[in-house]
Amino acid sequence: MTTSTYAVLSEGLEKRFGEVHALRGLDLAVAAGTVCGVLGPNGAGKTTAVRLLTTLLRPDAGSARVAGHDLVREAAAVRSRIGVTGQDTSIDGDLTGRQNLRLFGRLHRVRGPADRTAELLDRFGLTEAADRPASTYSGGMRRRLDLAASLIRRPEVLFLDEPTTGLDPVSRTLVWDVVRGLAAEGTTVLLTTQYLEEADRLADDIALVDRGRVAHTGSPARLKALVGAHAEVVVPDADVLTKAAAVLDRLTGGQPSFDRERNAVGVVSKDPTLTLPLLVRALDTAGVPLLDASLRPPTLDDVFLRLTETGTTDTVKERAA
């Protein structure tokens, strides 16, 4: 891809707050028209990255381009092309939902703000409550109104910083549908989230942020492939656990872990060709009696835990190389 193909492109972004080094050289590339999920543990630098890329903070070092414009030299042009929903809502509780959106429309000089307001109220399921003060809205409704406000001018790039935190399942699903629709229309979405299911369902690519850097990137499927499937066997007698572990070690090359209360042993497989029938046959050949055996594909939870653990990221990167 050429530079112009990326809606967000950062190189070596750094930011300090006193003694805290929040970003330590953040490299991020988000292709235009895609959804990028930014994942990482608390304190990894996700929100700081969003605040930098939306011009709310100035980087101490590094460079970035958003919607084709330099983050520092063309900050006004960046702001005119993006939408932002932060962790705190920006709506006025004394105004109705309709008034809030019309206000944002006027501030952004949107043509036909009344029509755009009606469209967004309908899209976010807020039409019936449109003429009530926003202070009477539930937390989920206020969050949806805030997200609608960020879309009032049809941004090229939309930044969502944990947009569904605290939402009920119905509201969360509605937001997911909106994000999918925006991506289908060509909007680029950068989404930070702590809900791994959310990233798995929405993201074309994922950036794992750890200690102020992007530790790994790739599609959800590619990152899961790096971690490997999880194999587990349950045996009737604790005396054969060691024997079962030896079979798993030989088949997978992984490090077995024991659950002695259940007489179970599990391992993360490094062999993508391993199947459940192959596993069962190998245990039977070795004379290991079974109560149960399973082979579970990895989840993004597994990816998150494995690739952001201290000392794990480099190992996984080397294995993938």
C-alpha atoms as a PDB file:
ATOM      1  CA  MET A   1       0.000   0.000   0.000  1.00  0.00           C
ATOM      2  CA  THR A   2       1.101   3.581  -0.639  1.00  0.00           C
ATOM      3  CA  THR A   3       1.053   6.226   2.090  1.00  0.00           C
ATOM      4  CA  SER A   4      -2.179   7.660   0.647  1.00  0.00           C
ATOM      5  CA  THR A   5      -3.896   4.295   1.154  1.00  0.00           C
ATOM      6  CA  TYR A   6      -3.692   4.719   4.912  1.00  0.00           C
ATOM      7  CA  ALA A   7      -6.266   6.819   6.717  1.00  0.00           C
ATOM      8  CA  VAL A   8      -4.087   6.790   9.844  1.00  0.00           C
ATOM      9  CA  LEU A   9      -0.326   6.396   9.707  1.00  0.00           C
ATOM     10  CA  SER A  10       1.950   7.063  12.664  1.00  0.00           C
ATOM     11  CA  GLU A  11       5.681   6.521  13.103  1.00  0.00           C
ATOM     12  CA  GLY A  12       7.505   6.651  16.404  1.00  0.00           C
ATOM     13  CA  LEU A  13       4.904   8.625  18.351  1.00  0.00           C
ATOM     14  CA  GLU A  14       6.062   9.385  21.886  1.00  0.00           C
ATOM     15  CA  LYS A  15       4.354  11.104  24.794  1.00  0.00           C
ATOM     16  CA  ARG A  16       5.423  11.675  28.381  1.00  0.00           C
ATOM     17  CA  PHE A  17       3.465  12.923  31.354  1.00  0.00           C
ATOM     18  CA  GLY A  18       6.147  13.803  33.859  1.00  0.00           C
ATOM     19  CA  GLU A  19       7.870  10.554  34.772  1.00  0.00           C
ATOM     20  CA  VAL A  20       5.271   8.453  32.964  1.00  0.00           C
ATOM     21  CA  HIS A  21       6.281   7.418  29.433  1.00  0.00           C
ATOM     22  CA  ALA A  22       2.801   6.773  28.012  1.00  0.00           C
ATOM     23  CA  LEU A  23       3.863   6.171  24.403  1.00  0.00           C
ATOM     24  CA  ARG A  24       7.294   4.825  23.514  1.00  0.00           C
ATOM     25  CA  GLY A  25       7.356   4.932  19.718  1.00  0.00           C
ATOM     26  CA  LEU A  26       3.890   4.026  18.482  1.00  0.00           C
ATOM     27  CA  ASP A  27       3.823   2.768  14.880  1.00  0.00           C
ATOM     28  CA  LEU A  28       0.339   2.329  13.504  1.00  0.00           C
ATOM     29  CA  ALA A  29      -1.072   1.948   9.996  1.00  0.00           C
ATOM     30  CA  VAL A  30      -4.839   1.848   9.418  1.00  0.00           C
ATOM     31  CA  ALA A  31      -6.001   1.210   5.865  1.00  0.00           C
ATOM     32  CA  ALA A  32      -8.723   3.509   4.552  1.00  0.00           C
ATOM     33  CA  GLY A  33     -12.239   2.118   4.802  1.00  0.00           C
ATOM     34  CA  THR A  34     -11.403  -0.487   7.453  1.00  0.00           C
ATOM     35  CA  VAL A  35     -12.082  -0.980  11.144  1.00  0.00           C
ATOM     36  CA  CYS A  36      -8.953  -1.199  13.292  1.00  0.00           C
ATOM     37  CA  GLY A  37      -9.330  -2.475  16.833  1.00  0.00           C
ATOM     38  CA  VAL A  38      -6.741  -1.217  19.317  1.00  0.00           C
ATOM     39  CA  LEU A  39      -6.389  -3.607  22.244  1.00  0.00           C
ATOM     40  CA  GLY A  40      -4.142  -3.603  25.266  1.00  0.00           C
ATOM     41  CA  PRO A  41      -4.110  -3.809  29.057  1.00  0.00           C
ATOM     42  CA  ASN A  42      -4.990  -0.814  31.225  1.00  0.00           C
ATOM     43  CA  GLY A  43      -2.223   1.763  31.030  1.00  0.00           C
ATOM     44  CA  ALA A  44      -0.887   0.457  27.714  1.00  0.00           C
ATOM     45  CA  GLY A  45      -1.328   3.854  26.023  1.00  0.00           C
ATOM     46  CA  LYS A  46      -4.526   3.330  23.998  1.00  0.00           C
ATOM     47  CA  THR A  47      -6.343   6.480  25.112  1.00  0.00           C
ATOM     48  CA  THR A  48      -3.177   8.576  24.885  1.00  0.00           C
ATOM     49  CA  ALA A  49      -2.758   7.397  21.292  1.00  0.00           C
ATOM     50  CA  VAL A  50      -6.329   8.445  20.454  1.00  0.00           C
ATOM     51  CA  ARG A  51      -5.847  11.852  22.069  1.00  0.00           C
ATOM     52  CA  LEU A  52      -2.698  12.401  20.021  1.00  0.00           C
ATOM     53  CA  LEU A  53      -4.211  11.253  16.740  1.00  0.00           C
ATOM     54  CA  THR A  54      -7.233  13.528  17.243  1.00  0.00           C
ATOM     55  CA  THR A  55      -5.005  16.592  17.955  1.00  0.00           C
ATOM     56  CA  LEU A  56      -6.089  16.832  21.593  1.00  0.00           C
ATOM     57  CA  LEU A  57      -2.448  16.316  22.600  1.00  0.00           C
ATOM     58  CA  ARG A  58       0.783  17.189  20.838  1.00  0.00           C
ATOM     59  CA  PRO A  59       3.380  14.408  20.468  1.00  0.00           C
ATOM     60  CA  ASP A  60       6.798  14.805  22.071  1.00  0.00           C
ATOM     61  CA  ALA A  61       8.380  12.937  19.159  1.00  0.00           C
ATOM     62  CA  GLY A  62       7.431  11.062  16.014  1.00  0.00           C
ATOM     63  CA  SER A  63       5.011  11.928  13.242  1.00  0.00           C
ATOM     64  CA  ALA A  64       1.566  10.994  11.998  1.00  0.00           C
ATOM     65  CA  ARG A  65      -0.840  11.630   9.152  1.00  0.00           C
ATOM     66  CA  VAL A  66      -4.607  11.368   9.568  1.00  0.00           C
ATOM     67  CA  ALA A  67      -6.946  11.561   6.574  1.00  0.00           C
ATOM     68  CA  GLY A  68      -3.938  12.580   4.473  1.00  0.00           C
ATOM     69  CA  HIS A  69      -2.861  15.501   6.671  1.00  0.00           C
ATOM     70  CA  ASP A  70       0.078  16.002   8.994  1.00  0.00           C
ATOM     71  CA  LEU A  71      -1.025  15.742  12.606  1.00  0.00           C
ATOM     72  CA  VAL A  72       0.960  18.777  13.818  1.00  0.00           C
ATOM     73  CA  ARG A  73       1.390  21.073  10.800  1.00  0.00           C
ATOM     74  CA  GLU A  74      -2.175  20.578   9.530  1.00  0.00           C
ATOM     75  CA  ALA A  75      -4.066  20.029  12.764  1.00  0.00           C
ATOM     76  CA  ALA A  76      -7.084  22.088  11.651  1.00  0.00           C
ATOM     77  CA  ALA A  77      -7.420  20.026   8.464  1.00  0.00           C
ATOM     78  CA  VAL A  78      -7.241  16.821  10.528  1.00  0.00           C
ATOM     79  CA  ARG A  79      -9.963  18.061  12.876  1.00  0.00           C
ATOM     80  CA  SER A  80     -12.237  18.936   9.950  1.00  0.00           C
ATOM     81  CA  ARG A  81     -12.126  15.349   8.689  1.00  0.00           C
ATOM     82  CA  ILE A  82     -12.515  13.277  11.857  1.00  0.00           C
ATOM     83  CA  GLY A  83     -15.176  12.376  14.384  1.00  0.00           C
ATOM     84  CA  VAL A  84     -14.407  11.465  17.995  1.00  0.00           C
ATOM     85  CA  THR A  85     -16.304   9.693  20.733  1.00  0.00           C
ATOM     86  CA  GLY A  86     -14.291   9.684  23.938  1.00  0.00           C
ATOM     87  CA  GLN A  87     -14.867   7.890  27.212  1.00  0.00           C
ATOM     88  CA  ASP A  88     -16.810  10.881  28.572  1.00  0.00           C
ATOM     89  CA  THR A  89     -19.919  12.150  26.802  1.00  0.00           C
ATOM     90  CA  SER A  90     -19.913  15.651  25.372  1.00  0.00           C
ATOM     91  CA  ILE A  91     -23.663  16.260  25.217  1.00  0.00           C
ATOM     92  CA  ASP A  92     -25.586  18.965  27.107  1.00  0.00           C
ATOM     93  CA  GLY A  93     -28.071  17.463  29.530  1.00  0.00           C
ATOM     94  CA  ASP A  94     -30.264  20.583  29.525  1.00  0.00           C
ATOM     95  CA  LEU A  95     -30.889  20.263  25.785  1.00  0.00           C
ATOM     96  CA  THR A  96     -33.055  17.622  24.145  1.00  0.00           C
ATOM     97  CA  GLY A  97     -31.477  14.936  22.016  1.00  0.00           C
ATOM     98  CA  ARG A  98     -32.646  16.729  18.890  1.00  0.00           C
ATOM     99  CA  GLN A  99     -31.294  20.077  20.099  1.00  0.00           C
ATOM    100  CA  ASN A 100     -27.925  18.526  20.926  1.00  0.00           C
ATOM    101  CA  LEU A 101     -27.499  17.141  17.432  1.00  0.00           C
ATOM    102  CA  ARG A 102     -28.678  20.353  15.757  1.00  0.00           C
ATOM    103  CA  LEU A 103     -26.197  22.290  17.887  1.00  0.00           C
ATOM    104  CA  PHE A 104     -23.359  20.046  16.747  1.00  0.00           C
ATOM    105  CA  GLY A 105     -24.598  20.423  13.182  1.00  0.00           C
ATOM    106  CA  ARG A 106     -24.452  24.216  13.391  1.00  0.00           C
ATOM    107  CA  LEU A 107     -21.019  24.155  15.039  1.00  0.00           C
ATOM    108  CA  HIS A 108     -19.724  22.012  12.178  1.00  0.00           C
ATOM    109  CA  ARG A 109     -21.624  24.032   9.543  1.00  0.00           C
ATOM    110  CA  VAL A 110     -23.495  20.981   8.320  1.00  0.00           C
ATOM    111  CA  ARG A 111     -25.880  21.590   5.453  1.00  0.00           C
ATOM    112  CA  GLY A 112     -29.420  20.563   6.298  1.00  0.00           C
ATOM    113  CA  PRO A 113     -28.764  19.908  10.007  1.00  0.00           C
ATOM    114  CA  ALA A 114     -32.427  19.095  10.666  1.00  0.00           C
ATOM    115  CA  ASP A 115     -32.468  16.285   8.104  1.00  0.00           C
ATOM    116  CA  ARG A 116     -29.125  14.909   9.302  1.00  0.00           C
ATOM    117  CA  THR A 117     -30.347  15.079  12.908  1.00  0.00           C
ATOM    118  CA  ALA A 118     -33.505  13.111  12.091  1.00  0.00           C
ATOM    119  CA  GLU A 119     -31.437  10.519  10.214  1.00  0.00           C
ATOM    120  CA  LEU A 120     -29.071   9.979  13.151  1.00  0.00           C
ATOM    121  CA  LEU A 121     -31.851   9.873  15.742  1.00  0.00           C
ATOM    122  CA  ASP A 122     -33.475   7.090  13.744  1.00  0.00           C
ATOM    123  CA  ARG A 123     -30.180   5.260  13.187  1.00  0.00           C
ATOM    124  CA  PHE A 124     -29.459   5.144  16.914  1.00  0.00           C
ATOM    125  CA  GLY A 125     -32.975   4.318  18.056  1.00  0.00           C
ATOM    126  CA  LEU A 126     -33.543   7.695  19.708  1.00  0.00           C
ATOM    127  CA  THR A 127     -36.452   9.104  17.699  1.00  0.00           C
ATOM    128  CA  GLU A 128     -39.064   8.550  20.414  1.00  0.00           C
ATOM    129  CA  ALA A 129     -36.862  10.276  23.009  1.00  0.00           C
ATOM    130  CA  ALA A 130     -35.662  13.020  20.662  1.00  0.00           C
ATOM    131  CA  ASP A 131     -37.560  15.853  22.350  1.00  0.00           C
ATOM    132  CA  ARG A 132     -36.786  14.907  25.932  1.00  0.00           C
ATOM    133  CA  PRO A 133     -33.906  16.573  27.824  1.00  0.00           C
ATOM    134  CA  ALA A 134     -30.769  14.471  27.525  1.00  0.00           C
ATOM    135  CA  SER A 135     -30.478  14.542  31.328  1.00  0.00           C
ATOM    136  CA  THR A 136     -33.462  12.144  31.435  1.00  0.00           C
ATOM    137  CA  TYR A 137     -31.720   9.617  29.169  1.00  0.00           C
ATOM    138  CA  SER A 138     -30.287   6.374  30.470  1.00  0.00           C
ATOM    139  CA  GLY A 139     -26.534   5.901  30.339  1.00  0.00           C
ATOM    140  CA  GLY A 140     -26.852   3.805  27.189  1.00  0.00           C
ATOM    141  CA  MET A 141     -29.033   6.395  25.466  1.00  0.00           C
ATOM    142  CA  ARG A 142     -26.619   9.208  26.339  1.00  0.00           C
ATOM    143  CA  ARG A 143     -23.750   7.165  24.935  1.00  0.00           C
ATOM    144  CA  ARG A 144     -25.648   6.544  21.709  1.00  0.00           C
ATOM    145  CA  LEU A 145     -26.476  10.253  21.411  1.00  0.00           C
ATOM    146  CA  ASP A 146     -22.810  11.106  21.918  1.00  0.00           C
ATOM    147  CA  LEU A 147     -21.829   8.715  19.143  1.00  0.00           C
ATOM    148  CA  ALA A 148     -24.495  10.210  16.877  1.00  0.00           C
ATOM    149  CA  ALA A 149     -23.032  13.669  17.538  1.00  0.00           C
ATOM    150  CA  SER A 150     -19.610  12.487  16.370  1.00  0.00           C
ATOM    151  CA  LEU A 151     -21.172  11.469  13.043  1.00  0.00           C
ATOM    152  CA  ILE A 152     -23.077  14.686  12.382  1.00  0.00           C
ATOM    153  CA  ARG A 153     -20.724  15.762   9.569  1.00  0.00           C
ATOM    154  CA  ARG A 154     -19.935  12.341   8.068  1.00  0.00           C
ATOM    155  CA  PRO A 155     -16.265  12.104   9.088  1.00  0.00           C
ATOM    156  CA  GLU A 156     -13.660  10.372   6.949  1.00  0.00           C
ATOM    157  CA  VAL A 157     -12.081   8.839  10.056  1.00  0.00           C
ATOM    158  CA  LEU A 158     -13.996   8.032  13.240  1.00  0.00           C
ATOM    159  CA  PHE A 159     -12.174   7.495  16.532  1.00  0.00           C
ATOM    160  CA  LEU A 160     -14.104   5.508  19.137  1.00  0.00           C
ATOM    161  CA  ASP A 161     -12.467   5.253  22.560  1.00  0.00           C
ATOM    162  CA  GLU A 162     -14.212   2.367  24.349  1.00  0.00           C
ATOM    163  CA  PRO A 163     -17.604   3.430  22.940  1.00  0.00           C
ATOM    164  CA  THR A 164     -19.693   0.597  24.418  1.00  0.00           C
ATOM    165  CA  THR A 165     -18.329   0.563  27.960  1.00  0.00           C
ATOM    166  CA  GLY A 166     -21.261   0.277  30.342  1.00  0.00           C
ATOM    167  CA  LEU A 167     -23.853  -0.265  27.627  1.00  0.00           C
ATOM    168  CA  ASP A 168     -26.539  -2.919  27.905  1.00  0.00           C
ATOM    169  CA  PRO A 169     -26.421  -5.743  25.318  1.00  0.00           C
ATOM    170  CA  VAL A 170     -29.130  -4.186  23.136  1.00  0.00           C
ATOM    171  CA  SER A 171     -27.373  -0.807  22.961  1.00  0.00           C
ATOM    172  CA  ARG A 172     -24.027  -2.481  22.350  1.00  0.00           C
ATOM    173  CA  THR A 173     -25.424  -4.478  19.451  1.00  0.00           C
ATOM    174  CA  LEU A 174     -26.953  -1.337  17.971  1.00  0.00           C
ATOM    175  CA  VAL A 175     -23.579   0.450  18.119  1.00  0.00           C
ATOM    176  CA  TRP A 176     -21.908  -2.572  16.494  1.00  0.00           C
ATOM    177  CA  ASP A 177     -24.440  -2.430  13.641  1.00  0.00           C
ATOM    178  CA  VAL A 178     -23.714   1.271  13.146  1.00  0.00           C
ATOM    179  CA  VAL A 179     -19.953   0.673  13.044  1.00  0.00           C
ATOM    180  CA  ARG A 180     -20.389  -2.083  10.465  1.00  0.00           C
ATOM    181  CA  GLY A 181     -22.579   0.196   8.385  1.00  0.00           C
ATOM    182  CA  LEU A 182     -20.055   3.036   8.522  1.00  0.00           C
ATOM    183  CA  ALA A 183     -17.252   0.753   7.385  1.00  0.00           C
ATOM    184  CA  ALA A 184     -19.421  -0.514   4.534  1.00  0.00           C
ATOM    185  CA  GLU A 185     -19.952   3.113   3.480  1.00  0.00           C
ATOM    186  CA  GLY A 186     -16.184   3.732   3.411  1.00  0.00           C
ATOM    187  CA  THR A 187     -15.596   5.398   6.776  1.00  0.00           C
ATOM    188  CA  THR A 188     -12.376   4.402   8.524  1.00  0.00           C
ATOM    189  CA  VAL A 189     -12.930   3.479  12.173  1.00  0.00           C
ATOM    190  CA  LEU A 190     -10.263   3.257  14.857  1.00  0.00           C
ATOM    191  CA  LEU A 191     -11.761   1.541  17.877  1.00  0.00           C
ATOM    192  CA  THR A 192     -10.216   1.072  21.295  1.00  0.00           C
ATOM    193  CA  THR A 193     -12.017  -1.496  23.386  1.00  0.00           C
ATOM    194  CA  GLN A 194     -11.686  -3.806  26.353  1.00  0.00           C
ATOM    195  CA  TYR A 195     -14.374  -6.108  24.972  1.00  0.00           C
ATOM    196  CA  LEU A 196     -12.484  -8.718  22.994  1.00  0.00           C
ATOM    197  CA  GLU A 197     -15.691 -10.051  21.455  1.00  0.00           C
ATOM    198  CA  GLU A 198     -16.287  -6.539  20.126  1.00  0.00           C
ATOM    199  CA  ALA A 199     -12.918  -6.425  18.371  1.00  0.00           C
ATOM    200  CA  ASP A 200     -13.386  -9.946  17.026  1.00  0.00           C
ATOM    201  CA  ARG A 201     -16.747  -9.076  15.494  1.00  0.00           C
ATOM    202  CA  LEU A 202     -15.918  -5.639  14.122  1.00  0.00           C
ATOM    203  CA  ALA A 203     -12.219  -5.308  13.354  1.00  0.00           C
ATOM    204  CA  ASP A 204     -10.575  -6.023  10.012  1.00  0.00           C
ATOM    205  CA  ASP A 205      -7.228  -5.635  11.753  1.00  0.00           C
ATOM    206  CA  ILE A 206      -6.100  -5.457  15.351  1.00  0.00           C
ATOM    207  CA  ALA A 207      -3.204  -3.571  16.904  1.00  0.00           C
ATOM    208  CA  LEU A 208      -2.078  -4.964  20.257  1.00  0.00           C
ATOM    209  CA  VAL A 209      -0.618  -2.135  22.327  1.00  0.00           C
ATOM    210  CA  ASP A 210       1.637  -2.973  25.257  1.00  0.00           C
ATOM    211  CA  ARG A 211       3.791  -0.571  27.278  1.00  0.00           C
ATOM    212  CA  GLY A 212       3.324   2.287  24.840  1.00  0.00           C
ATOM    213  CA  ARG A 213       4.158   0.411  21.638  1.00  0.00           C
ATOM    214  CA  VAL A 214       2.291  -1.676  19.093  1.00  0.00           C
ATOM    215  CA  ALA A 215       3.419  -5.173  20.020  1.00  0.00           C
ATOM    216  CA  HIS A 216       1.713  -6.950  17.136  1.00  0.00           C
ATOM    217  CA  THR A 217      -0.771  -6.339  14.330  1.00  0.00           C
ATOM    218  CA  GLY A 218      -2.872  -8.518  12.091  1.00  0.00           C
ATOM    219  CA  SER A 219      -6.367  -9.729  11.378  1.00  0.00           C
ATOM    220  CA  PRO A 220      -8.158 -11.521  14.233  1.00  0.00           C
ATOM    221  CA  ALA A 221      -7.663 -14.835  12.386  1.00  0.00           C
ATOM    222  CA  ARG A 222      -3.932 -14.244  11.911  1.00  0.00           C
ATOM    223  CA  LEU A 223      -3.358 -13.316  15.543  1.00  0.00           C
ATOM    224  CA  LYS A 224      -5.288 -16.379  16.688  1.00  0.00           C
ATOM    225  CA  ALA A 225      -3.120 -18.537  14.439  1.00  0.00           C
ATOM    226  CA  LEU A 226      -0.030 -17.223  16.224  1.00  0.00           C
ATOM    227  CA  VAL A 227      -1.350 -18.319  19.588  1.00  0.00           C
ATOM    228  CA  GLY A 228      -2.504 -21.784  18.550  1.00  0.00           C
ATOM    229  CA  ALA A 229      -5.412 -24.026  19.531  1.00  0.00           C
ATOM    230  CA  HIS A 230      -5.897 -25.275  23.080  1.00  0.00           C
ATOM    231  CA  ALA A 231      -5.944 -29.048  23.573  1.00  0.00           C
ATOM    232  CA  GLU A 232      -7.155 -30.611  26.823  1.00  0.00           C
ATOM    233  CA  VAL A 233      -7.658 -34.183  27.997  1.00  0.00           C
ATOM    234  CA  VAL A 234      -9.332 -35.454  31.153  1.00  0.00           C
ATOM    235  CA  VAL A 235      -8.275 -38.840  32.510  1.00  0.00           C
ATOM    236  CA  PRO A 236      -9.879 -41.041  35.171  1.00  0.00           C
ATOM    237  CA  ASP A 237      -6.761 -41.470  37.317  1.00  0.00           C
ATOM    238  CA  ALA A 238      -4.170 -38.948  38.475  1.00  0.00           C
ATOM    239  CA  ASP A 239      -1.499 -41.592  37.960  1.00  0.00           C
ATOM    240  CA  VAL A 240      -1.740 -41.260  34.160  1.00  0.00           C
ATOM    241  CA  LEU A 241      -1.651 -37.461  34.020  1.00  0.00           C
ATOM    242  CA  THR A 242       2.107 -37.418  33.430  1.00  0.00           C
ATOM    243  CA  LYS A 243       1.753 -39.953  30.628  1.00  0.00           C
ATOM    244  CA  ALA A 244      -1.009 -37.899  29.015  1.00  0.00           C
ATOM    245  CA  ALA A 245       1.124 -34.750  29.315  1.00  0.00           C
ATOM    246  CA  ALA A 246       4.005 -36.490  27.545  1.00  0.00           C
ATOM    247  CA  VAL A 247       1.750 -37.334  24.607  1.00  0.00           C
ATOM    248  CA  LEU A 248       0.509 -33.744  24.395  1.00  0.00           C
ATOM    249  CA  ASP A 249       4.058 -32.435  24.577  1.00  0.00           C
ATOM    250  CA  ARG A 250       5.151 -34.722  21.750  1.00  0.00           C
ATOM    251  CA  LEU A 251       2.181 -33.822  19.536  1.00  0.00           C
ATOM    252  CA  THR A 252       2.096 -30.075  20.092  1.00  0.00           C
ATOM    253  CA  GLY A 253       5.505 -28.928  21.251  1.00  0.00           C
ATOM    254  CA  GLY A 254       3.758 -26.848  23.898  1.00  0.00           C
ATOM    255  CA  GLN A 255       4.195 -26.693  27.644  1.00  0.00           C
ATOM    256  CA  PRO A 256       1.471 -28.764  29.374  1.00  0.00           C
ATOM    257  CA  SER A 257      -0.419 -27.290  32.314  1.00  0.00           C
ATOM    258  CA  PHE A 258      -2.209 -29.389  34.911  1.00  0.00           C
ATOM    259  CA  ASP A 259      -5.587 -29.113  36.629  1.00  0.00           C
ATOM    260  CA  ARG A 260      -5.166 -31.839  39.218  1.00  0.00           C
ATOM    261  CA  GLU A 261      -8.601 -31.334  40.770  1.00  0.00           C
ATOM    262  CA  ARG A 262     -10.158 -32.434  37.469  1.00  0.00           C
ATOM    263  CA  ASN A 263      -7.385 -34.838  36.477  1.00  0.00           C
ATOM    264  CA  ALA A 264      -6.933 -32.713  33.366  1.00  0.00           C
ATOM    265  CA  VAL A 265      -3.940 -31.576  31.380  1.00  0.00           C
ATOM    266  CA  GLY A 266      -3.983 -28.909  28.689  1.00  0.00           C
ATOM    267  CA  VAL A 267      -1.565 -27.400  26.218  1.00  0.00           C
ATOM    268  CA  VAL A 268      -1.496 -24.726  23.530  1.00  0.00           C
ATOM    269  CA  SER A 269      -0.698 -26.421  20.241  1.00  0.00           C
ATOM    270  CA  LYS A 270       1.989 -25.018  17.967  1.00  0.00           C
ATOM    271  CA  ASP A 271       0.989 -27.454  15.220  1.00  0.00           C
ATOM    272  CA  PRO A 272      -1.829 -26.099  12.988  1.00  0.00           C
ATOM    273  CA  THR A 273      -2.420 -29.595  11.544  1.00  0.00           C
ATOM    274  CA  LEU A 274      -3.420 -31.125  14.888  1.00  0.00           C
ATOM    275  CA  THR A 275      -6.961 -32.514  14.884  1.00  0.00           C
ATOM    276  CA  LEU A 276      -9.066 -34.051  17.621  1.00  0.00           C
ATOM    277  CA  PRO A 277      -9.094 -37.555  16.024  1.00  0.00           C
ATOM    278  CA  LEU A 278      -5.306 -37.452  15.767  1.00  0.00           C
ATOM    279  CA  LEU A 279      -5.051 -36.459  19.419  1.00  0.00           C
ATOM    280  CA  VAL A 280      -7.390 -39.242  20.567  1.00  0.00           C
ATOM    281  CA  ARG A 281      -5.573 -41.888  18.478  1.00  0.00           C
ATOM    282  CA  ALA A 282      -2.195 -40.853  19.880  1.00  0.00           C
ATOM    283  CA  LEU A 283      -3.471 -41.113  23.461  1.00  0.00           C
ATOM    284  CA  ASP A 284      -5.077 -44.488  22.751  1.00  0.00           C
ATOM    285  CA  THR A 285      -1.847 -45.807  21.192  1.00  0.00           C
ATOM    286  CA  ALA A 286       0.050 -44.692  24.282  1.00  0.00           C
ATOM    287  CA  GLY A 287      -2.423 -46.533  26.520  1.00  0.00           C
ATOM    288  CA  VAL A 288      -3.884 -43.396  28.126  1.00  0.00           C
ATOM    289  CA  PRO A 289      -7.537 -43.922  29.173  1.00  0.00           C
ATOM    290  CA  LEU A 290      -9.779 -40.912  28.507  1.00  0.00           C
ATOM    291  CA  LEU A 291     -12.858 -39.394  30.077  1.00  0.00           C
ATOM    292  CA  ASP A 292     -12.866 -36.431  27.726  1.00  0.00           C
ATOM    293  CA  ALA A 293     -10.755 -34.724  25.077  1.00  0.00           C
ATOM    294  CA  SER A 294     -11.186 -31.356  23.374  1.00  0.00           C
ATOM    295  CA  LEU A 295      -9.426 -29.127  20.879  1.00  0.00           C
ATOM    296  CA  ARG A 296     -10.612 -25.527  21.091  1.00  0.00           C
ATOM    297  CA  PRO A 297      -9.674 -22.822  18.585  1.00  0.00           C
ATOM    298  CA  PRO A 298      -8.044 -19.807  20.239  1.00  0.00           C
ATOM    299  CA  THR A 299     -10.117 -16.757  21.128  1.00  0.00           C
ATOM    300  CA  LEU A 300      -9.054 -13.134  21.209  1.00  0.00           C
ATOM    301  CA  ASP A 301      -8.945 -13.531  24.986  1.00  0.00           C
ATOM    302  CA  ASP A 302      -6.130 -16.037  24.472  1.00  0.00           C
ATOM    303  CA  VAL A 303      -4.410 -13.657  22.056  1.00  0.00           C
ATOM    304  CA  PHE A 304      -4.727 -10.725  24.456  1.00  0.00           C
ATOM    305  CA  LEU A 305      -3.314 -12.663  27.390  1.00  0.00           C
ATOM    306  CA  ARG A 306      -0.513 -14.355  25.489  1.00  0.00           C
ATOM    307  CA  LEU A 307       0.733 -11.472  23.367  1.00  0.00           C
ATOM    308  CA  THR A 308       0.675  -8.844  26.106  1.00  0.00           C
ATOM    309  CA  GLU A 309       2.316 -10.936  28.815  1.00  0.00           C
ATOM    310  CA  THR A 310       5.792  -9.856  29.893  1.00  0.00           C
ATOM    311  CA  GLY A 311       8.391 -11.748  27.908  1.00  0.00           C
ATOM    312  CA  THR A 312       5.807 -13.408  25.652  1.00  0.00           C
ATOM    313  CA  THR A 313       5.445 -10.945  22.790  1.00  0.00           C
ATOM    314  CA  ASP A 314       8.969 -11.326  21.439  1.00  0.00           C
ATOM    315  CA  THR A 315       8.745 -15.103  21.589  1.00  0.00           C
ATOM    316  CA  VAL A 316       5.532 -15.166  19.585  1.00  0.00           C
ATOM    317  CA  LYS A 317       6.884 -12.701  17.057  1.00  0.00           C
ATOM    318  CA  GLU A 318       9.954 -14.873  16.521  1.00  0.00           C
ATOM    319  CA  ARG A 319       7.801 -17.951  16.066  1.00  0.00           C
ATOM    320  CA  ALA A 320       5.701 -16.139  13.447  1.00  0.00           C
ATOM    321  CA  ALA A 321       8.707 -14.897  11.488  1.00  0.00           C
END
